[in-house]
N, C-alpha and C. Protein backbone atom coordinates (compact mmCIF):
# COMPACT_ATOMS: atom_id res chain seq x y z
N UNK A 1 0.85 -1.19 0.00
CA UNK A 1 0.00 0.00 0.00
C UNK A 1 0.89 1.24 0.00
N UNK A 2 0.51 2.24 -0.77
CA UNK A 2 1.31 3.46 -0.84
C UNK A 2 0.80 4.47 0.18
N UNK A 3 1.70 5.35 0.57
CA UNK A 3 1.34 6.39 1.55
C UNK A 3 0.50 7.45 0.85
N UNK A 4 -0.46 8.06 1.59
CA UNK A 4 -1.27 9.11 0.97
C UNK A 4 -0.40 10.31 0.59
N UNK A 5 -0.75 10.90 -0.52
CA UNK A 5 0.00 12.05 -1.03
C UNK A 5 -0.64 13.32 -0.50
N UNK A 6 0.20 14.19 0.06
CA UNK A 6 -0.30 15.47 0.57
C UNK A 6 -0.75 16.32 -0.61
N UNK A 7 -1.85 17.07 -0.44
CA UNK A 7 -2.31 17.92 -1.55
C UNK A 7 -1.28 19.01 -1.85
N UNK A 8 -1.10 19.24 -3.10
CA UNK A 8 -0.15 20.27 -3.54
C UNK A 8 -0.84 21.63 -3.45
N UNK A 9 -0.27 22.61 -2.72
CA UNK A 9 -0.92 23.92 -2.61
C UNK A 9 -1.04 24.64 -3.96
N UNK A 10 -0.16 24.34 -4.89
CA UNK A 10 -0.24 24.98 -6.20
C UNK A 10 -1.46 24.51 -6.99
N UNK A 11 -1.86 23.26 -6.76
CA UNK A 11 -3.07 22.75 -7.43
C UNK A 11 -4.30 23.55 -6.99
N UNK A 12 -4.36 23.90 -5.72
CA UNK A 12 -5.49 24.70 -5.23
C UNK A 12 -5.48 26.09 -5.87
N UNK A 13 -4.30 26.67 -6.00
CA UNK A 13 -4.21 27.99 -6.64
C UNK A 13 -4.61 27.93 -8.11
N UNK A 14 -4.17 26.89 -8.78
CA UNK A 14 -4.49 26.77 -10.21
C UNK A 14 -5.97 26.50 -10.44
N UNK A 15 -6.64 25.94 -9.46
CA UNK A 15 -8.06 25.64 -9.59
C UNK A 15 -8.93 26.88 -9.41
N UNK A 16 -8.38 27.96 -8.83
CA UNK A 16 -9.17 29.18 -8.61
C UNK A 16 -9.47 29.86 -9.93
N UNK A 17 -10.62 30.47 -9.99
CA UNK A 17 -11.01 31.20 -11.18
C UNK A 17 -10.26 32.53 -11.23
N UNK A 18 -9.56 32.76 -12.29
CA UNK A 18 -8.81 34.00 -12.46
C UNK A 18 -9.51 34.78 -13.57
N UNK A 19 -10.07 35.95 -13.24
CA UNK A 19 -10.76 36.72 -14.29
C UNK A 19 -9.77 37.21 -15.35
N UNK A 20 -10.19 37.16 -16.57
CA UNK A 20 -9.31 37.59 -17.66
C UNK A 20 -9.52 39.05 -18.02
N UNK A 21 -10.64 39.62 -17.64
CA UNK A 21 -10.90 41.04 -17.91
C UNK A 21 -11.94 41.52 -16.90
N UNK A 22 -11.96 42.81 -16.63
CA UNK A 22 -12.93 43.31 -15.66
C UNK A 22 -14.36 43.17 -16.18
N UNK A 23 -15.29 43.18 -15.24
CA UNK A 23 -16.70 43.14 -15.61
C UNK A 23 -17.02 44.36 -16.48
N UNK A 24 -17.89 44.17 -17.42
CA UNK A 24 -18.25 45.29 -18.29
C UNK A 24 -19.20 46.23 -17.56
N UNK A 25 -19.08 47.50 -17.86
CA UNK A 25 -19.99 48.48 -17.29
C UNK A 25 -21.14 48.71 -18.26
N UNK A 26 -22.29 49.06 -17.76
CA UNK A 26 -23.41 49.29 -18.67
C UNK A 26 -23.12 50.48 -19.59
N UNK A 27 -23.60 50.37 -20.80
CA UNK A 27 -23.40 51.43 -21.78
C UNK A 27 -24.34 52.59 -21.45
N UNK A 28 -23.76 53.77 -21.36
CA UNK A 28 -24.56 54.97 -21.10
C UNK A 28 -24.78 55.73 -22.39
N UNK A 29 -25.93 56.27 -22.54
CA UNK A 29 -26.20 57.11 -23.69
C UNK A 29 -25.68 58.52 -23.43
N UNK A 30 -25.94 59.44 -24.32
CA UNK A 30 -25.51 60.82 -24.11
C UNK A 30 -26.19 61.43 -22.89
N UNK A 31 -25.51 62.38 -22.27
CA UNK A 31 -26.07 63.06 -21.11
C UNK A 31 -27.27 63.89 -21.52
N UNK A 32 -28.24 63.95 -20.65
CA UNK A 32 -29.38 64.83 -20.89
C UNK A 32 -28.95 66.27 -20.62
N UNK A 33 -29.74 67.22 -21.07
CA UNK A 33 -29.45 68.63 -20.83
C UNK A 33 -29.39 68.91 -19.32
N UNK A 34 -30.30 68.29 -18.56
CA UNK A 34 -30.32 68.49 -17.11
C UNK A 34 -29.04 67.94 -16.47
N UNK A 35 -28.56 66.77 -16.93
CA UNK A 35 -27.32 66.20 -16.40
C UNK A 35 -26.12 67.09 -16.74
N UNK A 36 -26.10 67.62 -17.97
CA UNK A 36 -25.02 68.51 -18.37
C UNK A 36 -25.01 69.77 -17.51
N UNK A 37 -26.18 70.35 -17.29
CA UNK A 37 -26.28 71.55 -16.47
C UNK A 37 -25.84 71.29 -15.03
N UNK A 38 -26.27 70.17 -14.47
CA UNK A 38 -25.90 69.84 -13.10
C UNK A 38 -24.39 69.62 -12.99
N UNK A 39 -23.81 68.98 -13.98
CA UNK A 39 -22.36 68.74 -13.98
C UNK A 39 -21.60 70.07 -14.10
N UNK A 40 -22.04 70.94 -14.98
CA UNK A 40 -21.39 72.24 -15.15
C UNK A 40 -21.47 73.04 -13.86
N UNK A 41 -22.64 73.05 -13.24
CA UNK A 41 -22.80 73.79 -11.99
C UNK A 41 -21.90 73.23 -10.89
N UNK A 42 -21.76 71.91 -10.82
CA UNK A 42 -20.89 71.29 -9.82
C UNK A 42 -19.42 71.65 -10.09
N UNK A 43 -19.03 71.68 -11.35
CA UNK A 43 -17.66 72.08 -11.69
C UNK A 43 -17.40 73.53 -11.29
N UNK A 44 -18.35 74.40 -11.59
CA UNK A 44 -18.19 75.81 -11.24
C UNK A 44 -18.07 75.98 -9.73
N UNK A 45 -18.89 75.26 -8.97
CA UNK A 45 -18.81 75.33 -7.50
C UNK A 45 -17.45 74.85 -7.02
N UNK A 46 -16.95 73.78 -7.63
CA UNK A 46 -15.68 73.18 -7.18
C UNK A 46 -14.51 74.12 -7.39
N UNK A 47 -14.54 74.94 -8.43
CA UNK A 47 -13.42 75.85 -8.70
C UNK A 47 -13.69 77.26 -8.20
N UNK A 48 -14.81 77.44 -7.50
CA UNK A 48 -15.08 78.73 -6.87
C UNK A 48 -15.65 79.80 -7.79
N UNK A 49 -16.30 79.40 -8.86
CA UNK A 49 -16.92 80.37 -9.77
C UNK A 49 -18.38 80.01 -10.03
N UNK A 50 -19.19 80.01 -8.96
CA UNK A 50 -20.59 79.62 -9.16
C UNK A 50 -21.32 80.60 -10.08
N UNK A 51 -22.22 80.06 -10.86
CA UNK A 51 -23.03 80.90 -11.74
C UNK A 51 -22.37 81.26 -13.06
N UNK A 52 -21.20 80.72 -13.34
CA UNK A 52 -20.53 81.02 -14.61
C UNK A 52 -21.32 80.38 -15.74
N UNK A 53 -21.63 81.15 -16.80
CA UNK A 53 -22.40 80.55 -17.91
C UNK A 53 -21.57 79.52 -18.67
N UNK A 54 -22.26 78.53 -19.20
CA UNK A 54 -21.58 77.51 -20.00
C UNK A 54 -21.10 78.11 -21.30
N UNK A 55 -19.94 77.68 -21.80
CA UNK A 55 -19.47 78.18 -23.09
C UNK A 55 -20.38 77.70 -24.22
N UNK A 56 -20.55 78.51 -25.20
CA UNK A 56 -21.39 78.15 -26.35
C UNK A 56 -20.52 77.51 -27.43
N UNK A 57 -21.06 76.52 -28.14
CA UNK A 57 -20.28 75.90 -29.23
C UNK A 57 -19.95 76.94 -30.29
N UNK A 58 -18.76 76.79 -30.88
CA UNK A 58 -18.35 77.70 -31.95
C UNK A 58 -19.13 77.37 -33.22
N UNK A 59 -19.24 78.34 -34.09
CA UNK A 59 -19.95 78.14 -35.36
C UNK A 59 -19.24 77.05 -36.17
N UNK A 60 -20.03 76.18 -36.76
CA UNK A 60 -19.46 75.12 -37.57
C UNK A 60 -19.28 73.82 -36.80
N UNK A 61 -19.45 73.84 -35.50
CA UNK A 61 -19.37 72.61 -34.71
C UNK A 61 -20.76 72.23 -34.24
N UNK A 62 -21.00 70.95 -34.26
CA UNK A 62 -22.30 70.47 -33.80
C UNK A 62 -22.31 70.40 -32.28
N UNK A 63 -23.41 70.77 -31.70
CA UNK A 63 -23.56 70.62 -30.25
C UNK A 63 -23.91 69.16 -29.95
N UNK A 64 -23.37 68.66 -28.88
CA UNK A 64 -23.61 67.24 -28.52
C UNK A 64 -24.98 67.06 -27.91
């Protein structure tokens, strides 16, 4: 009769699931006008310039 073989710790490591890439994040559509305004206002507050108007797109460029 042969002696029992101790489990190899590397076998346990190799058996673990190793993710190959991060979980995907849900796809977001374009920001709504309200979301854009809220974001702009938060940025202005953060840099100490509350109430600054948003820049207007230049002629020839499409607004998002």
